[in-house]
Amino acid sequence: MNLSAAEEEPKQEIHIPADIDWQMLDKSKFFFLGAALFSGVSATLYPVVLLKTRQQVAQSQVSCIKTALMIVRHEGFRALYRGFGTSLMGTIPARALYMGALEVTKSNVGTATIRLGFPEPTAAAIANAIAGLSAAMAAQLVWTPVDVVSQRLMVQGSDGSTVKGVTSSGLSNASACKYLNGIDAFRKILSTDGLRGLYRGFGISILTYAPSNAVWWASYSVTQRLIWNGMGCYYTKKDDDSIGNGSNGNAIKPDSKTVVAVQGVSAAMAGGVSALITMPLDTIKTRLQVLDGEENGRRGPTVGQTLRNLVKEGGWTACYRGLGPRWASMSMSATTMITTYEFLKRLSAKNQDGLG
């Protein structure tokens, strides 16, 4: 969808590069470069995700900085990347599914909404929302099992035991299994809980990520428009003294740095809002995924029981444990993801000369 300024200015108009849709992409280049670029992004942000997970399963509130210091002191710096190999192996196919579903849906829905007579800004928001929804649902088919395994490894101590105290959960019913690596964890979860164990929290993951992705992509589209319109108003006011009445002025073409800055700010704002809205669901999902399944004939906790346990431990604010790291993670991830993603699309475009 074209993300040019939504409203026509009588004196100034901002021209930004047109968006690159699915038909314009070299698919093999798109997926190959995407795997490489997003692997780097995942590696950079992984320690923040681990800290968020440790805080979410803790029975008491501990600051993010103290949690990080205790992990490094007692388990070493490498503990901040525990489970990263498993996460990375799952990120590549999950990202491929996500990007493919996102671009195909956005392109098709965008074309359909414009044909139905929707204004271009409204069509862009609708297409982005539906694309984000479908992309999240597709990616969760791969990502949920990877999430279960990697999070089990995240809350496991350096000696293979479940971490106690401020460095991790302190949960008496957290998984007591000792995992050597991701493959070992996958095998043990599968043998103990079956396929259902690997998809523990799948339903709530869909409820968490699908709406949040829809909100995020729609918010990103709207926020970017508002920023461009604000810049248009700024330039119009700035040039009021030099432009005579009835003059159309000159069209403004932002440079690539300005385009990236606007995309980054829009992404960070959308990511922060999404993190705040979906935080309680994410906390419940994380706890469900790190707990053991059926043991001695007893079923694992339900969503309702997990929520009651959280409220019992620390009131409703317990649902927001790890909000700081998650807010930072989602904002940073959104900013790096969207700037990397837009850069990736330009690298993968078939006709580079047409990108102006």
Protein backbone atom coordinates (compact mmCIF):
# COMPACT_ATOMS: atom_id res chain seq x y z
CA MET A 1 0.00 0.00 0.00
CA ASN A 2 1.18 3.48 -0.79
CA LEU A 3 2.11 5.31 2.41
CA SER A 4 2.32 8.77 0.90
CA ALA A 5 0.78 11.71 2.74
CA ALA A 6 -2.91 11.04 3.26
CA GLU A 7 -4.22 14.57 2.95
CA GLU A 8 -3.54 17.02 0.16
CA GLU A 9 -1.90 20.22 1.34
CA PRO A 10 -2.78 23.36 -0.58
CA LYS A 11 0.81 24.60 -0.51
CA GLN A 12 3.11 21.66 0.21
CA GLU A 13 3.04 17.98 -0.57
CA ILE A 14 5.43 15.35 0.74
CA HIS A 15 6.40 12.63 -1.66
CA ILE A 16 7.83 9.49 -0.07
CA PRO A 17 8.86 6.30 -1.88
CA ALA A 18 5.95 4.04 -2.81
CA ASP A 19 5.57 0.80 -0.89
CA ILE A 20 6.82 -2.40 -2.51
CA ASP A 21 4.11 -5.03 -2.85
CA TRP A 22 4.36 -8.82 -3.21
CA GLN A 23 4.46 -8.84 -7.02
CA MET A 24 7.50 -6.54 -7.07
CA LEU A 25 9.68 -8.83 -4.92
CA ASP A 26 12.31 -11.36 -5.93
CA LYS A 27 10.99 -14.12 -3.65
CA SER A 28 14.19 -16.20 -3.27
CA LYS A 29 16.23 -13.09 -2.47
CA PHE A 30 13.52 -11.85 -0.11
CA PHE A 31 13.46 -15.03 2.00
CA PHE A 32 17.23 -15.66 1.96
CA LEU A 33 18.18 -12.12 2.97
CA GLY A 34 15.28 -12.04 5.42
CA ALA A 35 16.58 -15.11 7.26
CA ALA A 36 20.03 -13.55 7.58
CA LEU A 37 18.87 -10.08 8.64
CA PHE A 38 16.27 -11.21 11.16
CA SER A 39 18.66 -13.74 12.70
CA GLY A 40 20.90 -10.81 13.56
CA VAL A 41 17.98 -8.88 15.03
CA SER A 42 16.94 -11.91 17.13
CA ALA A 43 20.48 -12.32 18.47
CA THR A 44 20.60 -8.67 19.54
CA LEU A 45 17.27 -8.71 21.37
CA TYR A 46 17.36 -12.23 22.85
CA PRO A 47 18.76 -11.29 26.33
CA VAL A 48 15.86 -8.86 26.83
CA VAL A 49 13.37 -11.60 25.94
CA LEU A 50 15.05 -13.96 28.43
CA LEU A 51 14.84 -11.34 31.20
CA LYS A 52 11.16 -10.79 30.42
CA THR A 53 10.50 -14.54 30.64
CA ARG A 54 12.35 -14.90 33.96
CA GLN A 55 10.37 -12.03 35.47
CA GLN A 56 7.04 -13.37 34.23
CA VAL A 57 7.45 -16.74 35.95
CA ALA A 58 8.85 -15.30 39.19
CA GLN A 59 6.65 -15.45 42.28
CA SER A 60 7.89 -12.08 43.49
CA GLN A 61 8.65 -8.81 41.77
CA VAL A 62 12.35 -8.28 41.09
CA SER A 63 13.78 -5.45 39.02
CA CYS A 64 15.07 -6.14 35.54
CA ILE A 65 18.58 -4.90 36.34
CA LYS A 66 18.84 -7.04 39.49
CA THR A 67 17.60 -10.07 37.58
CA ALA A 68 20.23 -9.54 34.89
CA LEU A 69 23.03 -9.06 37.42
CA MET A 70 22.08 -12.20 39.34
CA ILE A 71 21.94 -14.28 36.15
CA VAL A 72 25.41 -13.11 35.06
CA ARG A 73 26.88 -13.51 38.56
CA HIS A 74 25.54 -17.02 39.25
CA GLU A 75 25.19 -18.51 35.79
CA GLY A 76 27.56 -16.53 33.63
CA PHE A 77 27.02 -14.24 30.66
CA ARG A 78 26.18 -17.19 28.37
CA ALA A 79 23.03 -17.78 30.43
CA LEU A 80 21.52 -14.69 28.78
CA TYR A 81 21.50 -16.70 25.54
CA ARG A 82 20.19 -19.98 26.97
CA GLY A 83 17.83 -21.49 24.43
CA PHE A 84 18.92 -19.12 21.67
CA GLY A 85 19.95 -21.88 19.25
CA THR A 86 16.49 -23.43 19.47
CA SER A 87 14.84 -20.05 19.12
CA LEU A 88 16.93 -19.19 16.08
CA MET A 89 16.16 -22.45 14.31
CA GLY A 90 12.47 -21.78 14.78
CA THR A 91 12.71 -18.09 13.90
CA ILE A 92 13.83 -18.76 10.32
CA PRO A 93 10.80 -20.82 9.15
CA ALA A 94 8.42 -18.81 11.36
CA ARG A 95 9.65 -15.53 9.88
CA ALA A 96 9.36 -16.96 6.37
CA LEU A 97 5.72 -17.91 7.03
CA TYR A 98 5.08 -14.55 8.67
CA MET A 99 6.56 -12.46 5.85
CA GLY A 100 4.92 -14.51 3.12
CA ALA A 101 1.46 -14.39 4.72
CA LEU A 102 1.87 -10.69 5.52
CA GLU A 103 2.81 -9.57 2.01
CA VAL A 104 0.33 -11.80 0.14
CA THR A 105 -2.56 -10.77 2.39
CA LYS A 106 -1.65 -7.08 2.41
CA SER A 107 -1.36 -6.97 -1.37
CA ASN A 108 -4.63 -8.82 -2.04
CA VAL A 109 -6.71 -7.14 0.67
CA GLY A 110 -5.33 -3.71 -0.25
CA THR A 111 -6.37 -4.16 -3.87
CA ALA A 112 -9.80 -5.46 -2.86
CA THR A 113 -10.54 -2.62 -0.41
CA ILE A 114 -9.60 0.05 -2.94
CA ARG A 115 -11.87 -1.61 -5.52
CA LEU A 116 -14.68 -1.52 -2.96
CA GLY A 117 -14.33 2.24 -2.87
CA PHE A 118 -12.53 2.75 0.46
CA PRO A 119 -10.30 5.84 0.67
CA GLU A 120 -6.61 4.97 0.33
CA PRO A 121 -5.73 5.70 4.02
CA THR A 122 -8.62 3.52 5.24
CA ALA A 123 -7.76 0.79 2.76
CA ALA A 124 -4.14 0.83 3.98
CA ALA A 125 -5.17 0.48 7.65
CA ILE A 126 -7.60 -2.37 6.89
CA ALA A 127 -5.08 -4.23 4.72
CA ASN A 128 -2.33 -3.87 7.33
CA ALA A 129 -4.60 -5.06 10.15
CA ILE A 130 -5.84 -8.16 8.28
CA ALA A 131 -2.31 -8.91 7.04
CA GLY A 132 -0.92 -8.71 10.58
CA LEU A 133 -3.67 -11.00 11.86
CA SER A 134 -3.11 -13.69 9.21
CA ALA A 135 0.70 -13.47 9.48
CA ALA A 136 0.65 -14.00 13.25
CA MET A 137 -1.68 -17.00 12.99
CA ALA A 138 0.50 -18.61 10.31
CA ALA A 139 3.74 -18.04 12.24
CA GLN A 140 2.33 -19.51 15.48
CA LEU A 141 2.07 -22.94 13.83
CA VAL A 142 5.87 -23.04 13.93
CA TRP A 143 6.63 -20.62 16.72
CA THR A 144 4.55 -22.10 19.56
CA PRO A 145 6.56 -25.37 19.86
CA VAL A 146 9.80 -23.39 19.56
CA ASP A 147 8.56 -20.96 22.21
CA VAL A 148 7.71 -23.80 24.60
CA VAL A 149 11.15 -25.39 24.23
CA SER A 150 13.19 -22.19 24.32
CA GLN A 151 11.32 -20.82 27.35
CA ARG A 152 11.84 -24.09 29.24
CA LEU A 153 15.55 -23.63 28.61
CA MET A 154 15.41 -19.94 29.59
CA VAL A 155 14.18 -20.68 33.11
CA GLN A 156 16.59 -23.57 33.64
CA GLY A 157 19.73 -22.98 35.69
CA SER A 158 23.28 -23.56 34.55
CA ASP A 159 23.30 -26.92 36.36
CA GLY A 160 20.17 -28.04 34.53
CA SER A 161 17.80 -27.44 37.42
CA THR A 162 14.93 -24.98 37.55
CA VAL A 163 16.33 -21.67 38.72
CA LYS A 164 15.15 -20.45 42.09
CA GLY A 165 14.94 -17.08 43.74
CA VAL A 166 15.51 -13.80 42.01
CA THR A 167 17.21 -15.27 38.96
CA SER A 168 14.12 -17.13 37.81
CA SER A 169 10.79 -18.55 38.67
CA GLY A 170 10.66 -19.79 42.21
CA LEU A 171 7.63 -21.73 40.95
CA SER A 172 7.13 -25.03 42.72
CA ASN A 173 5.25 -26.38 39.71
CA ALA A 174 7.68 -25.13 37.07
CA SER A 175 9.15 -27.84 34.92
CA ALA A 176 11.54 -29.95 37.00
CA CYS A 177 12.99 -31.77 33.97
CA LYS A 178 16.66 -31.27 33.20
CA TYR A 179 17.31 -30.46 29.57
CA LEU A 180 20.70 -30.81 27.93
CA ASN A 181 19.73 -28.77 24.89
CA GLY A 182 16.81 -27.90 22.64
CA ILE A 183 16.64 -31.32 20.98
CA ASP A 184 16.65 -33.05 24.38
CA ALA A 185 13.91 -30.71 25.64
CA PHE A 186 11.83 -31.33 22.50
CA ARG A 187 12.15 -35.11 22.91
CA LYS A 188 11.32 -35.10 26.64
CA ILE A 189 8.31 -32.79 26.29
CA LEU A 190 7.00 -34.90 23.43
CA SER A 191 7.43 -38.16 25.37
CA THR A 192 5.91 -36.75 28.57
CA ASP A 193 3.05 -34.59 27.28
CA GLY A 194 2.75 -35.61 23.63
CA LEU A 195 2.17 -33.15 20.80
CA ARG A 196 -0.20 -31.22 23.05
CA GLY A 197 2.75 -30.42 25.30
CA LEU A 198 4.62 -28.74 22.44
CA TYR A 199 1.53 -26.71 21.61
CA ARG A 200 0.84 -25.71 25.21
CA GLY A 201 -0.48 -22.17 25.19
CA PHE A 202 -1.22 -22.23 21.43
CA GLY A 203 -4.74 -20.88 21.89
CA ILE A 204 -3.70 -18.02 24.12
CA SER A 205 -0.71 -17.34 21.85
CA ILE A 206 -3.17 -16.80 19.00
CA LEU A 207 -5.29 -14.60 21.28
CA THR A 208 -2.16 -12.65 22.25
CA TYR A 209 -0.29 -12.27 18.99
CA ALA A 210 -3.01 -12.23 16.33
CA PRO A 211 -4.96 -9.22 17.70
CA SER A 212 -1.74 -7.46 18.76
CA ASN A 213 -0.31 -7.87 15.26
CA ALA A 214 -3.53 -6.55 13.76
CA VAL A 215 -3.44 -3.56 16.13
CA TRP A 216 0.29 -3.07 15.53
CA TRP A 217 0.16 -3.00 11.73
CA ALA A 218 -2.95 -0.83 11.65
CA SER A 219 -1.41 1.54 14.24
CA TYR A 220 1.83 1.62 12.29
CA SER A 221 -0.01 2.62 9.11
CA VAL A 222 -2.05 5.32 10.85
CA THR A 223 0.88 6.65 12.93
CA GLN A 224 3.12 6.94 9.90
CA ARG A 225 0.43 8.92 8.09
CA LEU A 226 -0.04 11.26 11.04
CA ILE A 227 3.71 11.94 11.24
CA TRP A 228 3.96 12.66 7.51
CA ASN A 229 0.94 14.95 7.69
CA GLY A 230 2.46 16.72 10.69
CA MET A 231 5.67 17.24 8.77
CA GLY A 232 3.67 18.60 5.85
CA CYS A 233 1.96 21.12 8.14
CA TYR A 234 5.34 22.07 9.62
CA TYR A 235 6.89 22.74 6.22
CA THR A 236 3.79 24.66 5.13
CA LYS A 237 3.92 26.96 8.17
CA LYS A 238 7.68 27.31 7.83
CA ASP A 239 7.34 28.51 4.25
CA ASP A 240 4.25 30.69 4.75
CA ASP A 241 6.31 33.88 4.61
CA SER A 242 8.05 32.93 1.38
CA ILE A 243 5.02 31.52 -0.47
CA GLY A 244 2.54 34.00 -1.86
CA ASN A 245 -1.21 33.57 -1.70
CA GLY A 246 -2.43 31.01 -4.22
CA SER A 247 1.05 29.55 -4.79
CA ASN A 248 1.38 25.76 -4.87
CA GLY A 249 4.95 25.74 -3.53
CA ASN A 250 7.40 22.95 -4.24
CA ALA A 251 6.89 19.29 -3.53
CA ILE A 252 9.10 17.99 -0.73
CA LYS A 253 10.89 14.69 -1.24
CA PRO A 254 12.33 13.39 2.04
CA ASP A 255 15.73 11.71 1.95
CA SER A 256 16.20 8.06 2.92
CA LYS A 257 17.29 8.95 6.48
CA THR A 258 14.05 10.84 7.09
CA VAL A 259 11.99 7.96 5.72
CA VAL A 260 13.78 5.47 8.01
CA ALA A 261 13.39 7.79 11.02
CA VAL A 262 9.64 8.15 10.47
CA GLN A 263 9.25 4.39 10.02
CA GLY A 264 11.27 3.72 13.19
CA VAL A 265 9.34 6.18 15.36
CA SER A 266 6.00 4.89 14.04
CA ALA A 267 7.03 1.31 14.75
CA ALA A 268 8.22 2.09 18.29
CA MET A 269 4.96 3.86 19.15
CA ALA A 270 2.86 1.02 17.74
CA GLY A 271 5.00 -1.58 19.54
CA GLY A 272 4.72 0.16 22.91
CA VAL A 273 0.92 0.36 22.72
CA SER A 274 0.68 -3.27 21.65
CA ALA A 275 2.93 -4.41 24.53
CA LEU A 276 0.80 -2.61 27.11
CA ILE A 277 -2.49 -3.99 25.79
CA THR A 278 -1.39 -7.63 25.51
CA MET A 279 0.91 -7.91 28.56
CA PRO A 280 -1.46 -9.90 30.85
CA LEU A 281 -2.15 -12.46 28.11
CA ASP A 282 1.57 -12.82 27.42
CA THR A 283 2.33 -13.41 31.12
CA ILE A 284 -0.32 -16.14 31.33
CA LYS A 285 0.94 -17.71 28.09
CA THR A 286 4.53 -17.77 29.34
CA ARG A 287 3.58 -19.43 32.61
CA LEU A 288 1.51 -22.07 30.86
CA GLN A 289 4.40 -22.88 28.53
CA VAL A 290 7.03 -23.39 31.23
CA LEU A 291 4.89 -25.59 33.47
CA ASP A 292 4.82 -29.37 33.31
CA GLY A 293 1.82 -31.10 31.79
CA GLU A 294 -0.01 -34.01 33.38
CA GLU A 295 1.82 -35.40 36.35
CA ASN A 296 0.64 -38.26 38.57
CA GLY A 297 -2.79 -38.11 36.95
CA ARG A 298 -3.13 -34.38 37.52
CA ARG A 299 -3.70 -32.06 34.62
CA GLY A 300 -1.61 -28.97 34.16
CA PRO A 301 -3.08 -25.61 35.22
CA THR A 302 -5.73 -23.95 33.07
CA VAL A 303 -5.73 -20.34 31.93
CA GLY A 304 -8.16 -19.45 34.73
CA GLN A 305 -6.06 -21.17 37.41
CA THR A 306 -2.91 -19.47 36.14
CA LEU A 307 -4.62 -16.08 36.30
CA ARG A 308 -5.89 -16.77 39.84
CA ASN A 309 -2.38 -17.80 40.94
CA LEU A 310 -0.93 -14.60 39.54
CA VAL A 311 -3.50 -12.42 41.30
CA LYS A 312 -2.96 -14.36 44.55
CA GLU A 313 0.80 -13.79 44.34
CA GLY A 314 0.78 -10.06 43.73
CA GLY A 315 -2.62 -8.71 42.79
CA TRP A 316 -3.51 -7.63 39.28
CA THR A 317 -0.15 -5.91 38.91
CA ALA A 318 1.44 -9.38 38.87
CA CYS A 319 0.01 -9.75 35.35
CA TYR A 320 2.35 -6.93 34.33
CA ARG A 321 5.57 -8.43 35.65
CA GLY A 322 8.23 -8.06 33.01
CA LEU A 323 6.41 -5.13 31.40
CA GLY A 324 9.60 -3.05 31.32
CA PRO A 325 11.66 -5.62 29.38
CA ARG A 326 8.70 -6.52 27.17
CA TRP A 327 7.93 -2.86 26.42
CA ALA A 328 11.61 -2.27 25.61
CA SER A 329 11.84 -5.51 23.66
CA MET A 330 8.72 -4.87 21.58
CA SER A 331 9.60 -1.23 20.92
CA MET A 332 13.19 -2.05 19.97
CA SER A 333 12.10 -5.12 18.06
CA ALA A 334 9.41 -3.18 16.22
CA THR A 335 11.83 -0.41 15.30
CA THR A 336 14.60 -2.73 14.13
CA MET A 337 12.12 -5.11 12.50
CA ILE A 338 10.32 -2.53 10.41
CA THR A 339 13.45 -0.65 9.34
CA THR A 340 15.15 -3.97 8.53
CA TYR A 341 12.01 -5.19 6.80
CA GLU A 342 11.65 -2.10 4.63
CA PHE A 343 15.36 -2.29 3.81
CA LEU A 344 14.95 -5.98 2.96
CA LYS A 345 12.07 -5.25 0.60
CA ARG A 346 14.11 -2.64 -1.23
CA LEU A 347 17.07 -5.02 -1.54
CA SER A 348 14.72 -7.71 -2.88
CA ALA A 349 12.79 -5.55 -5.35
CA LYS A 350 13.02 -6.76 -8.95
CA ASN A 351 13.24 -3.28 -10.46
CA GLN A 352 15.65 -1.23 -8.35
CA ASP A 353 15.46 1.73 -10.76
CA GLY A 354 11.77 2.18 -10.05
CA LEU A 355 12.27 2.84 -6.34
CA GLY A 356 12.22 6.54 -5.97
